[in-house]
């Protein structure tokens, strides 16, 4: 004989919801760029805040076109003379102690980078794998730590062969050591530099820059913002993150306050199952403004609606 209590399924659903959403909220959903201001604090310090799930080390900003690859970490250290190998301990601590993915970011707004052929894309991928990922080299600018992947923040140079670079980098992925790929395109779609690479479907995370552009959010531009956002989540990508300035000074335009983000913007972007969280430029501006501590408990994808829709069947029998 089955005993069916109307309250039992609701109680079970409520307990399941509290347990699952509590666990989900414990994991941050924010990506941040680190490396372009010596006053932003150390890498390990950024990870230890508990605010971030992804830290993008910026930038490898000279490569291709026959150039010797070089990295710029602003006021932190000089990676091109062996002065940044101490960061290996920070990277390992971020990954092991704080469950943060640490990725190398390519490009940036200032630099000298381009790929002139498919063969050069292969060579650059080989260099990145041996110098920053799971390969081996006598010259590893960030020491022996193995980074989790590569971010494409391509804002200049040539439009060619970024898709080839993505394919070559992804080919180094193994079940034991996955090579994660992310990209930070401008919000207008298609992206001028990266669209062919994005269309490969190889990118795990898309950190779309919704600032300094017509598609950024404002109260008077919500319709356009939502239209462009819907284009991105309809594309062949896994997870899309809303890229924002972390302070009013971090970009020329596009800053939204934490309250505005929570009350007006997140209800729009969270409608998509591909929404992954937010990306902030940059760690320095996040330090001076305190953006991420104000929003970190709100920006993760909502699971409550789908959980509440689950049908809980009675299971007690006598």
C-alpha atoms as a PDB file:
ATOM      1  CA  UNK A   1       0.000   0.000   0.000  1.00  0.00           C
ATOM      2  CA  UNK A   2       1.450   3.409  -0.986  1.00  0.00           C
ATOM      3  CA  UNK A   3       1.176   6.382   1.369  1.00  0.00           C
ATOM      4  CA  UNK A   4       0.980   9.647  -0.515  1.00  0.00           C
ATOM      5  CA  UNK A   5       1.358  12.773   1.570  1.00  0.00           C
ATOM      6  CA  UNK A   6       0.771  16.032  -0.338  1.00  0.00           C
ATOM      7  CA  UNK A   7       3.372  17.743   1.836  1.00  0.00           C
ATOM      8  CA  UNK A   8       6.101  15.146   1.345  1.00  0.00           C
ATOM      9  CA  UNK A   9       6.993  15.898  -2.296  1.00  0.00           C
ATOM     10  CA  UNK A  10       7.107  19.615  -1.543  1.00  0.00           C
ATOM     11  CA  UNK A  11       9.335  19.042   1.478  1.00  0.00           C
ATOM     12  CA  UNK A  12      11.709  16.863  -0.501  1.00  0.00           C
ATOM     13  CA  UNK A  13      11.840  19.396  -3.313  1.00  0.00           C
ATOM     14  CA  UNK A  14      12.578  22.203  -0.884  1.00  0.00           C
ATOM     15  CA  UNK A  15      15.400  20.245   0.771  1.00  0.00           C
ATOM     16  CA  UNK A  16      16.877  19.339  -2.604  1.00  0.00           C
ATOM     17  CA  UNK A  17      16.656  22.940  -3.761  1.00  0.00           C
ATOM     18  CA  UNK A  18      18.353  24.298  -0.659  1.00  0.00           C
ATOM     19  CA  UNK A  19      21.143  21.750  -0.828  1.00  0.00           C
ATOM     20  CA  UNK A  20      21.863  22.189  -4.506  1.00  0.00           C
ATOM     21  CA  UNK A  21      21.594  25.951  -4.711  1.00  0.00           C
ATOM     22  CA  UNK A  22      23.679  26.312  -1.585  1.00  0.00           C
ATOM     23  CA  UNK A  23      26.425  24.220  -3.141  1.00  0.00           C
ATOM     24  CA  UNK A  24      26.258  26.103  -6.397  1.00  0.00           C
ATOM     25  CA  UNK A  25      26.530  29.472  -4.719  1.00  0.00           C
ATOM     26  CA  UNK A  26      29.690  28.370  -2.921  1.00  0.00           C
ATOM     27  CA  UNK A  27      31.548  28.347  -6.250  1.00  0.00           C
ATOM     28  CA  UNK A  28      32.245  31.772  -7.771  1.00  0.00           C
ATOM     29  CA  UNK A  29      31.234  32.572 -11.352  1.00  0.00           C
ATOM     30  CA  UNK A  30      33.501  35.544 -12.106  1.00  0.00           C
ATOM     31  CA  UNK A  31      36.473  35.789 -14.456  1.00  0.00           C
ATOM     32  CA  UNK A  32      38.998  38.595 -14.043  1.00  0.00           C
ATOM     33  CA  UNK A  33      42.034  39.866 -15.942  1.00  0.00           C
ATOM     34  CA  UNK A  34      45.194  40.139 -13.836  1.00  0.00           C
ATOM     35  CA  UNK A  35      48.632  41.411 -14.775  1.00  0.00           C
ATOM     36  CA  UNK A  36      48.295  44.922 -16.158  1.00  0.00           C
ATOM     37  CA  UNK A  37      48.795  47.015 -13.028  1.00  0.00           C
ATOM     38  CA  UNK A  38      51.448  46.557 -10.372  1.00  0.00           C
ATOM     39  CA  UNK A  39      49.154  48.015  -7.724  1.00  0.00           C
ATOM     40  CA  UNK A  40      46.494  45.298  -8.058  1.00  0.00           C
ATOM     41  CA  UNK A  41      48.220  42.882  -5.676  1.00  0.00           C
ATOM     42  CA  UNK A  42      49.618  39.432  -6.264  1.00  0.00           C
ATOM     43  CA  UNK A  43      48.141  36.560  -8.226  1.00  0.00           C
ATOM     44  CA  UNK A  44      47.730  34.309  -5.207  1.00  0.00           C
ATOM     45  CA  UNK A  45      46.109  37.209  -3.350  1.00  0.00           C
ATOM     46  CA  UNK A  46      43.519  37.570  -6.108  1.00  0.00           C
ATOM     47  CA  UNK A  47      42.665  33.870  -5.980  1.00  0.00           C
ATOM     48  CA  UNK A  48      42.478  33.859  -2.179  1.00  0.00           C
ATOM     49  CA  UNK A  49      39.633  36.389  -2.167  1.00  0.00           C
ATOM     50  CA  UNK A  50      37.224  33.636  -3.217  1.00  0.00           C
ATOM     51  CA  UNK A  51      35.682  36.056  -5.708  1.00  0.00           C
ATOM     52  CA  UNK A  52      36.951  34.457  -8.911  1.00  0.00           C
ATOM     53  CA  UNK A  53      36.674  31.164 -10.743  1.00  0.00           C
ATOM     54  CA  UNK A  54      38.949  32.193 -13.630  1.00  0.00           C
ATOM     55  CA  UNK A  55      42.024  34.433 -13.572  1.00  0.00           C
ATOM     56  CA  UNK A  56      43.355  35.474 -16.973  1.00  0.00           C
ATOM     57  CA  UNK A  57      47.054  36.374 -16.867  1.00  0.00           C
ATOM     58  CA  UNK A  58      47.480  39.259 -19.300  1.00  0.00           C
ATOM     59  CA  UNK A  59      49.181  39.475 -21.734  1.00  0.00           C
ATOM     60  CA  UNK A  60      51.368  37.571 -24.153  1.00  0.00           C
ATOM     61  CA  UNK A  61      51.280  40.563 -26.482  1.00  0.00           C
ATOM     62  CA  UNK A  62      54.117  39.958 -28.943  1.00  0.00           C
ATOM     63  CA  UNK A  63      54.174  36.881 -31.159  1.00  0.00           C
ATOM     64  CA  UNK A  64      53.839  35.835 -34.782  1.00  0.00           C
ATOM     65  CA  UNK A  65      55.084  37.582 -37.915  1.00  0.00           C
ATOM     66  CA  UNK A  66      58.535  36.134 -37.225  1.00  0.00           C
ATOM     67  CA  UNK A  67      58.863  37.882 -33.854  1.00  0.00           C
ATOM     68  CA  UNK A  68      60.323  36.441 -30.674  1.00  0.00           C
ATOM     69  CA  UNK A  69      57.328  35.967 -28.324  1.00  0.00           C
ATOM     70  CA  UNK A  70      57.253  38.356 -25.389  1.00  0.00           C
ATOM     71  CA  UNK A  71      54.964  38.810 -22.420  1.00  0.00           C
ATOM     72  CA  UNK A  72      53.979  42.025 -20.640  1.00  0.00           C
ATOM     73  CA  UNK A  73      52.993  41.980 -16.962  1.00  0.00           C
ATOM     74  CA  UNK A  74      53.215  45.749 -16.452  1.00  0.00           C
ATOM     75  CA  UNK A  75      54.535  46.632 -12.989  1.00  0.00           C
ATOM     76  CA  UNK A  76      54.610  43.086 -11.599  1.00  0.00           C
ATOM     77  CA  UNK A  77      57.797  41.623 -13.050  1.00  0.00           C
ATOM     78  CA  UNK A  78      59.641  41.085 -16.330  1.00  0.00           C
ATOM     79  CA  UNK A  79      58.764  37.667 -17.720  1.00  0.00           C
ATOM     80  CA  UNK A  80      61.107  38.089 -20.670  1.00  0.00           C
ATOM     81  CA  UNK A  81      64.241  38.092 -18.484  1.00  0.00           C
ATOM     82  CA  UNK A  82      63.204  35.265 -16.170  1.00  0.00           C
ATOM     83  CA  UNK A  83      61.900  37.638 -13.525  1.00  0.00           C
ATOM     84  CA  UNK A  84      58.425  36.096 -13.173  1.00  0.00           C
ATOM     85  CA  UNK A  85      59.157  32.427 -12.520  1.00  0.00           C
ATOM     86  CA  UNK A  86      58.186  32.979  -8.864  1.00  0.00           C
ATOM     87  CA  UNK A  87      54.588  33.164 -10.097  1.00  0.00           C
ATOM     88  CA  UNK A  88      54.664  29.399 -10.544  1.00  0.00           C
ATOM     89  CA  UNK A  89      53.960  28.944  -6.824  1.00  0.00           C
ATOM     90  CA  UNK A  90      51.076  31.429  -7.035  1.00  0.00           C
ATOM     91  CA  UNK A  91      49.563  29.614  -9.999  1.00  0.00           C
ATOM     92  CA  UNK A  92      49.803  26.220  -8.306  1.00  0.00           C
ATOM     93  CA  UNK A  93      48.247  27.652  -5.141  1.00  0.00           C
ATOM     94  CA  UNK A  94      45.392  29.205  -7.125  1.00  0.00           C
ATOM     95  CA  UNK A  95      44.629  25.881  -8.765  1.00  0.00           C
ATOM     96  CA  UNK A  96      45.140  23.598  -5.773  1.00  0.00           C
ATOM     97  CA  UNK A  97      44.055  25.696  -2.802  1.00  0.00           C
ATOM     98  CA  UNK A  98      41.325  27.874  -4.322  1.00  0.00           C
ATOM     99  CA  UNK A  99      40.077  25.834  -7.316  1.00  0.00           C
ATOM    100  CA  UNK A 100      40.729  28.729  -9.688  1.00  0.00           C
ATOM    101  CA  UNK A 101      41.507  28.148 -13.350  1.00  0.00           C
ATOM    102  CA  UNK A 102      44.521  30.242 -14.384  1.00  0.00           C
ATOM    103  CA  UNK A 103      44.792  30.957 -18.103  1.00  0.00           C
ATOM    104  CA  UNK A 104      47.242  32.782 -20.348  1.00  0.00           C
ATOM    105  CA  UNK A 105      45.677  35.691 -22.232  1.00  0.00           C
ATOM    106  CA  UNK A 106      46.917  36.519 -25.728  1.00  0.00           C
ATOM    107  CA  UNK A 107      46.790  39.943 -27.334  1.00  0.00           C
ATOM    108  CA  UNK A 108      45.307  42.929 -25.579  1.00  0.00           C
ATOM    109  CA  UNK A 109      44.796  46.469 -26.781  1.00  0.00           C
ATOM    110  CA  UNK A 110      48.536  47.237 -26.963  1.00  0.00           C
ATOM    111  CA  UNK A 111      51.043  44.913 -28.570  1.00  0.00           C
ATOM    112  CA  UNK A 112      52.501  43.496 -31.752  1.00  0.00           C
ATOM    113  CA  UNK A 113      50.884  40.241 -32.770  1.00  0.00           C
ATOM    114  CA  UNK A 114      49.620  38.603 -35.945  1.00  0.00           C
ATOM    115  CA  UNK A 115      49.670  35.216 -37.607  1.00  0.00           C
ATOM    116  CA  UNK A 116      50.826  35.251 -41.211  1.00  0.00           C
ATOM    117  CA  UNK A 117      50.186  31.601 -42.083  1.00  0.00           C
ATOM    118  CA  UNK A 118      48.701  28.333 -40.872  1.00  0.00           C
ATOM    119  CA  UNK A 119      52.224  27.063 -40.281  1.00  0.00           C
ATOM    120  CA  UNK A 120      53.002  30.027 -38.047  1.00  0.00           C
ATOM    121  CA  UNK A 121      49.815  29.322 -36.078  1.00  0.00           C
ATOM    122  CA  UNK A 122      51.136  25.805 -35.508  1.00  0.00           C
ATOM    123  CA  UNK A 123      54.503  27.175 -34.379  1.00  0.00           C
ATOM    124  CA  UNK A 124      52.924  29.645 -31.956  1.00  0.00           C
ATOM    125  CA  UNK A 125      50.708  26.910 -30.516  1.00  0.00           C
ATOM    126  CA  UNK A 126      53.804  24.741 -30.052  1.00  0.00           C
ATOM    127  CA  UNK A 127      55.565  27.600 -28.253  1.00  0.00           C
ATOM    128  CA  UNK A 128      52.584  28.265 -25.969  1.00  0.00           C
ATOM    129  CA  UNK A 129      52.188  24.590 -25.125  1.00  0.00           C
ATOM    130  CA  UNK A 130      55.851  24.151 -24.218  1.00  0.00           C
ATOM    131  CA  UNK A 131      56.244  27.491 -22.434  1.00  0.00           C
ATOM    132  CA  UNK A 132      52.981  27.756 -20.466  1.00  0.00           C
ATOM    133  CA  UNK A 133      50.968  24.531 -20.697  1.00  0.00           C
ATOM    134  CA  UNK A 134      51.860  20.860 -20.331  1.00  0.00           C
ATOM    135  CA  UNK A 135      54.937  20.794 -22.528  1.00  0.00           C
ATOM    136  CA  UNK A 136      58.570  21.312 -21.611  1.00  0.00           C
ATOM    137  CA  UNK A 137      61.018  24.132 -22.259  1.00  0.00           C
ATOM    138  CA  UNK A 138      64.155  25.536 -20.631  1.00  0.00           C
ATOM    139  CA  UNK A 139      62.510  28.949 -20.869  1.00  0.00           C
ATOM    140  CA  UNK A 140      59.104  29.055 -19.177  1.00  0.00           C
ATOM    141  CA  UNK A 141      58.280  32.709 -18.382  1.00  0.00           C
ATOM    142  CA  UNK A 142      55.937  31.835 -15.494  1.00  0.00           C
ATOM    143  CA  UNK A 143      57.943  28.897 -14.191  1.00  0.00           C
ATOM    144  CA  UNK A 144      57.019  25.222 -14.213  1.00  0.00           C
ATOM    145  CA  UNK A 145      53.341  25.590 -13.276  1.00  0.00           C
ATOM    146  CA  UNK A 146      50.975  24.276 -15.941  1.00  0.00           C
ATOM    147  CA  UNK A 147      48.303  26.808 -16.840  1.00  0.00           C
ATOM    148  CA  UNK A 148      44.751  25.634 -17.503  1.00  0.00           C
ATOM    149  CA  UNK A 149      44.377  27.114 -20.958  1.00  0.00           C
ATOM    150  CA  UNK A 150      44.578  30.072 -23.289  1.00  0.00           C
ATOM    151  CA  UNK A 151      42.415  33.162 -23.692  1.00  0.00           C
ATOM    152  CA  UNK A 152      42.154  35.035 -27.013  1.00  0.00           C
ATOM    153  CA  UNK A 153      41.812  38.798 -26.420  1.00  0.00           C
ATOM    154  CA  UNK A 154      42.578  39.769 -29.996  1.00  0.00           C
ATOM    155  CA  UNK A 155      42.009  43.465 -30.609  1.00  0.00           C
ATOM    156  CA  UNK A 156      44.469  44.267 -33.378  1.00  0.00           C
ATOM    157  CA  UNK A 157      46.821  42.902 -36.003  1.00  0.00           C
ATOM    158  CA  UNK A 158      45.560  40.470 -38.582  1.00  0.00           C
ATOM    159  CA  UNK A 159      42.186  38.740 -38.726  1.00  0.00           C
ATOM    160  CA  UNK A 160      43.732  35.582 -40.160  1.00  0.00           C
ATOM    161  CA  UNK A 161      44.577  32.152 -38.710  1.00  0.00           C
ATOM    162  CA  UNK A 162      43.157  32.534 -35.190  1.00  0.00           C
ATOM    163  CA  UNK A 163      40.943  29.562 -36.011  1.00  0.00           C
ATOM    164  CA  UNK A 164      44.074  27.583 -36.902  1.00  0.00           C
ATOM    165  CA  UNK A 165      45.688  28.570 -33.610  1.00  0.00           C
ATOM    166  CA  UNK A 166      42.596  27.427 -31.694  1.00  0.00           C
ATOM    167  CA  UNK A 167      42.647  24.046 -33.472  1.00  0.00           C
ATOM    168  CA  UNK A 168      46.344  23.489 -32.826  1.00  0.00           C
ATOM    169  CA  UNK A 169      46.046  24.450 -29.153  1.00  0.00           C
ATOM    170  CA  UNK A 170      42.981  22.268 -28.611  1.00  0.00           C
ATOM    171  CA  UNK A 171      44.813  19.338 -30.187  1.00  0.00           C
ATOM    172  CA  UNK A 172      47.135  19.344 -27.156  1.00  0.00           C
ATOM    173  CA  UNK A 173      44.177  18.573 -24.881  1.00  0.00           C
ATOM    174  CA  UNK A 174      44.169  15.163 -23.197  1.00  0.00           C
ATOM    175  CA  UNK A 175      41.749  13.534 -20.757  1.00  0.00           C
ATOM    176  CA  UNK A 176      44.351  14.073 -18.037  1.00  0.00           C
ATOM    177  CA  UNK A 177      45.234  17.669 -18.940  1.00  0.00           C
ATOM    178  CA  UNK A 178      42.544  19.566 -20.785  1.00  0.00           C
ATOM    179  CA  UNK A 179      43.501  22.735 -22.624  1.00  0.00           C
ATOM    180  CA  UNK A 180      40.653  25.180 -21.991  1.00  0.00           C
ATOM    181  CA  UNK A 181      40.079  27.911 -24.560  1.00  0.00           C
ATOM    182  CA  UNK A 182      38.346  31.231 -24.020  1.00  0.00           C
ATOM    183  CA  UNK A 183      37.889  34.363 -26.089  1.00  0.00           C
ATOM    184  CA  UNK A 184      37.045  37.972 -25.293  1.00  0.00           C
ATOM    185  CA  UNK A 185      35.343  39.378 -28.401  1.00  0.00           C
ATOM    186  CA  UNK A 186      33.733  42.798 -28.607  1.00  0.00           C
ATOM    187  CA  UNK A 187      29.959  42.595 -28.287  1.00  0.00           C
ATOM    188  CA  UNK A 188      29.057  43.417 -31.927  1.00  0.00           C
ATOM    189  CA  UNK A 189      28.522  40.175 -33.762  1.00  0.00           C
ATOM    190  CA  UNK A 190      30.225  38.898 -35.863  1.00  0.00           C
ATOM    191  CA  UNK A 191      33.481  39.804 -34.128  1.00  0.00           C
ATOM    192  CA  UNK A 192      35.880  41.518 -36.505  1.00  0.00           C
ATOM    193  CA  UNK A 193      38.965  39.503 -35.506  1.00  0.00           C
ATOM    194  CA  UNK A 194      37.773  36.282 -33.923  1.00  0.00           C
ATOM    195  CA  UNK A 195      34.558  35.146 -35.593  1.00  0.00           C
ATOM    196  CA  UNK A 196      36.080  32.328 -37.705  1.00  0.00           C
ATOM    197  CA  UNK A 197      37.823  31.025 -34.575  1.00  0.00           C
ATOM    198  CA  UNK A 198      34.620  31.280 -32.531  1.00  0.00           C
ATOM    199  CA  UNK A 199      32.734  29.400 -35.240  1.00  0.00           C
ATOM    200  CA  UNK A 200      35.000  26.364 -34.750  1.00  0.00           C
ATOM    201  CA  UNK A 201      33.028  25.576 -31.578  1.00  0.00           C
ATOM    202  CA  UNK A 202      36.274  24.824 -29.733  1.00  0.00           C
ATOM    203  CA  UNK A 203      35.965  27.551 -27.105  1.00  0.00           C
ATOM    204  CA  UNK A 204      34.854  26.610 -23.605  1.00  0.00           C
ATOM    205  CA  UNK A 205      34.164  30.173 -22.421  1.00  0.00           C
ATOM    206  CA  UNK A 206      33.199  33.356 -24.234  1.00  0.00           C
ATOM    207  CA  UNK A 207      33.965  36.534 -22.249  1.00  0.00           C
ATOM    208  CA  UNK A 208      32.061  39.036 -24.385  1.00  0.00           C
ATOM    209  CA  UNK A 209      33.033  42.675 -23.815  1.00  0.00           C
ATOM    210  CA  UNK A 210      29.794  44.588 -23.357  1.00  0.00           C
ATOM    211  CA  UNK A 211      31.483  47.951 -22.939  1.00  0.00           C
ATOM    212  CA  UNK A 212      32.987  50.695 -25.107  1.00  0.00           C
ATOM    213  CA  UNK A 213      30.408  49.815 -27.727  1.00  0.00           C
ATOM    214  CA  UNK A 214      26.853  50.451 -28.916  1.00  0.00           C
ATOM    215  CA  UNK A 215      25.662  47.119 -27.523  1.00  0.00           C
ATOM    216  CA  UNK A 216      26.606  47.847 -23.914  1.00  0.00           C
ATOM    217  CA  UNK A 217      23.825  47.961 -21.339  1.00  0.00           C
ATOM    218  CA  UNK A 218      22.128  51.155 -20.246  1.00  0.00           C
ATOM    219  CA  UNK A 219      18.558  51.780 -19.133  1.00  0.00           C
ATOM    220  CA  UNK A 220      17.847  53.391 -22.504  1.00  0.00           C
ATOM    221  CA  UNK A 221      19.601  50.664 -24.481  1.00  0.00           C
ATOM    222  CA  UNK A 222      18.180  47.534 -22.892  1.00  0.00           C
ATOM    223  CA  UNK A 223      16.452  46.307 -26.055  1.00  0.00           C
ATOM    224  CA  UNK A 224      19.608  46.472 -28.184  1.00  0.00           C
ATOM    225  CA  UNK A 225      21.649  44.916 -25.388  1.00  0.00           C
ATOM    226  CA  UNK A 226      19.254  41.987 -25.131  1.00  0.00           C
ATOM    227  CA  UNK A 227      19.166  41.474 -28.896  1.00  0.00           C
ATOM    228  CA  UNK A 228      22.957  41.256 -29.104  1.00  0.00           C
ATOM    229  CA  UNK A 229      23.180  39.070 -26.002  1.00  0.00           C
ATOM    230  CA  UNK A 230      20.684  36.654 -27.553  1.00  0.00           C
ATOM    231  CA  UNK A 231      22.841  36.465 -30.681  1.00  0.00           C
ATOM    232  CA  UNK A 232      25.826  35.391 -28.605  1.00  0.00           C
ATOM    233  CA  UNK A 233      24.007  32.691 -26.657  1.00  0.00           C
ATOM    234  CA  UNK A 234      22.540  31.380 -29.919  1.00  0.00           C
ATOM    235  CA  UNK A 235      26.018  30.873 -31.387  1.00  0.00           C
ATOM    236  CA  UNK A 236      28.136  27.706 -31.376  1.00  0.00           C
ATOM    237  CA  UNK A 237      29.658  28.387 -27.948  1.00  0.00           C
ATOM    238  CA  UNK A 238      29.532  26.536 -24.641  1.00  0.00           C
ATOM    239  CA  UNK A 239      29.246  29.256 -21.997  1.00  0.00           C
ATOM    240  CA  UNK A 240      28.865  33.016 -22.452  1.00  0.00           C
ATOM    241  CA  UNK A 241      30.018  35.459 -19.777  1.00  0.00           C
ATOM    242  CA  UNK A 242      28.909  39.074 -19.552  1.00  0.00           C
ATOM    243  CA  UNK A 243      32.054  41.212 -19.786  1.00  0.00           C
ATOM    244  CA  UNK A 244      31.953  44.426 -17.743  1.00  0.00           C
ATOM    245  CA  UNK A 245      34.270  47.162 -16.461  1.00  0.00           C
ATOM    246  CA  UNK A 246      34.963  46.690 -12.742  1.00  0.00           C
ATOM    247  CA  UNK A 247      34.892  50.438 -12.083  1.00  0.00           C
ATOM    248  CA  UNK A 248      33.761  53.611 -13.857  1.00  0.00           C
ATOM    249  CA  UNK A 249      37.422  54.295 -14.724  1.00  0.00           C
ATOM    250  CA  UNK A 250      38.063  50.844 -16.215  1.00  0.00           C
ATOM    251  CA  UNK A 251      36.555  51.696 -19.608  1.00  0.00           C
ATOM    252  CA  UNK A 252      35.427  54.651 -21.653  1.00  0.00           C
ATOM    253  CA  UNK A 253      31.783  53.609 -21.305  1.00  0.00           C
ATOM    254  CA  UNK A 254      29.633  50.686 -20.298  1.00  0.00           C
ATOM    255  CA  UNK A 255      30.006  50.636 -16.514  1.00  0.00           C
ATOM    256  CA  UNK A 256      26.909  49.438 -14.677  1.00  0.00           C
ATOM    257  CA  UNK A 257      26.580  49.703 -10.920  1.00  0.00           C
ATOM    258  CA  UNK A 258      26.302  46.530  -8.839  1.00  0.00           C
ATOM    259  CA  UNK A 259      22.676  47.333  -8.025  1.00  0.00           C
ATOM    260  CA  UNK A 260      21.856  47.910 -11.688  1.00  0.00           C
ATOM    261  CA  UNK A 261      23.544  44.663 -12.639  1.00  0.00           C
ATOM    262  CA  UNK A 262      21.594  42.696 -10.041  1.00  0.00           C
ATOM    263  CA  UNK A 263      18.218  44.350 -10.586  1.00  0.00           C
ATOM    264  CA  UNK A 264      18.148  44.998 -14.329  1.00  0.00           C
ATOM    265  CA  UNK A 265      20.853  43.151 -16.259  1.00  0.00           C
ATOM    266  CA  UNK A 266      21.084  39.717 -14.665  1.00  0.00           C
ATOM    267  CA  UNK A 267      17.360  39.008 -15.136  1.00  0.00           C
ATOM    268  CA  UNK A 268      17.976  39.387 -18.886  1.00  0.00           C
ATOM    269  CA  UNK A 269      21.143  37.320 -19.289  1.00  0.00           C
ATOM    270  CA  UNK A 270      20.167  34.550 -16.880  1.00  0.00           C
ATOM    271  CA  UNK A 271      17.312  33.479 -19.143  1.00  0.00           C
ATOM    272  CA  UNK A 272      19.798  31.534 -21.248  1.00  0.00           C
ATOM    273  CA  UNK A 273      21.180  28.167 -20.195  1.00  0.00           C
ATOM    274  CA  UNK A 274      24.469  29.221 -21.812  1.00  0.00           C
ATOM    275  CA  UNK A 275      24.958  32.066 -19.360  1.00  0.00           C
ATOM    276  CA  UNK A 276      28.078  31.302 -17.319  1.00  0.00           C
ATOM    277  CA  UNK A 277      28.703  34.358 -15.136  1.00  0.00           C
ATOM    278  CA  UNK A 278      30.504  37.667 -15.575  1.00  0.00           C
ATOM    279  CA  UNK A 279      33.962  38.768 -16.668  1.00  0.00           C
ATOM    280  CA  UNK A 280      35.589  41.847 -15.156  1.00  0.00           C
ATOM    281  CA  UNK A 281      38.249  44.153 -16.525  1.00  0.00           C
ATOM    282  CA  UNK A 282      40.327  44.250 -14.417  1.00  0.00           C
ATOM    283  CA  UNK A 283      41.633  42.998 -11.081  1.00  0.00           C
ATOM    284  CA  UNK A 284      43.115  46.447 -10.374  1.00  0.00           C
ATOM    285  CA  UNK A 285      39.804  48.199 -10.923  1.00  0.00           C
ATOM    286  CA  UNK A 286      38.005  45.526  -8.930  1.00  0.00           C
ATOM    287  CA  UNK A 287      40.367  46.207  -6.020  1.00  0.00           C
ATOM    288  CA  UNK A 288      39.779  49.959  -6.014  1.00  0.00           C
ATOM    289  CA  UNK A 289      36.006  49.779  -6.547  1.00  0.00           C
ATOM    290  CA  UNK A 290      35.096  46.529  -4.804  1.00  0.00           C
ATOM    291  CA  UNK A 291      32.739  45.348  -7.548  1.00  0.00           C
ATOM    292  CA  UNK A 292      33.000  41.569  -7.236  1.00  0.00           C
ATOM    293  CA  UNK A 293      32.315  41.341  -3.463  1.00  0.00           C
ATOM    294  CA  UNK A 294      29.038  43.214  -4.045  1.00  0.00           C
ATOM    295  CA  UNK A 295      27.789  40.914  -6.810  1.00  0.00           C
ATOM    296  CA  UNK A 296      29.430  37.496  -6.370  1.00  0.00           C
ATOM    297  CA  UNK A 297      26.436  36.018  -4.553  1.00  0.00           C
ATOM    298  CA  UNK A 298      24.107  37.042  -7.382  1.00  0.00           C
ATOM    299  CA  UNK A 299      25.909  36.400 -10.670  1.00  0.00           C
ATOM    300  CA  UNK A 300      25.974  32.609 -10.857  1.00  0.00           C
ATOM    301  CA  UNK A 301      23.461  30.974 -13.208  1.00  0.00           C
ATOM    302  CA  UNK A 302      20.106  30.341 -11.574  1.00  0.00           C
ATOM    303  CA  UNK A 303      19.166  26.695 -11.129  1.00  0.00           C
ATOM    304  CA  UNK A 304      16.129  27.211  -8.926  1.00  0.00           C
ATOM    305  CA  UNK A 305      13.584  27.432 -11.739  1.00  0.00           C
ATOM    306  CA  UNK A 306      14.659  24.144 -13.294  1.00  0.00           C
ATOM    307  CA  UNK A 307      14.905  22.459  -9.912  1.00  0.00           C
ATOM    308  CA  UNK A 308      11.433  23.559  -8.902  1.00  0.00           C
ATOM    309  CA  UNK A 309      10.089  22.125 -12.134  1.00  0.00           C
ATOM    310  CA  UNK A 310      11.314  18.630 -11.211  1.00  0.00           C
ATOM    311  CA  UNK A 311       8.557  16.214 -10.398  1.00  0.00           C
ATOM    312  CA  UNK A 312       9.218  14.447  -7.111  1.00  0.00           C
ATOM    313  CA  UNK A 313       7.535  11.056  -7.015  1.00  0.00           C
ATOM    314  CA  UNK A 314       6.415   9.503  -3.730  1.00  0.00           C
ATOM    315  CA  UNK A 315       8.612   6.598  -2.760  1.00  0.00           C
ATOM    316  CA  UNK A 316       7.372   5.326   0.622  1.00  0.00           C
ATOM    317  CA  UNK A 317       5.543   2.052   0.459  1.00  0.00           C
ATOM    318  CA  UNK A 318       4.001  -0.189   3.072  1.00  0.00           C
END
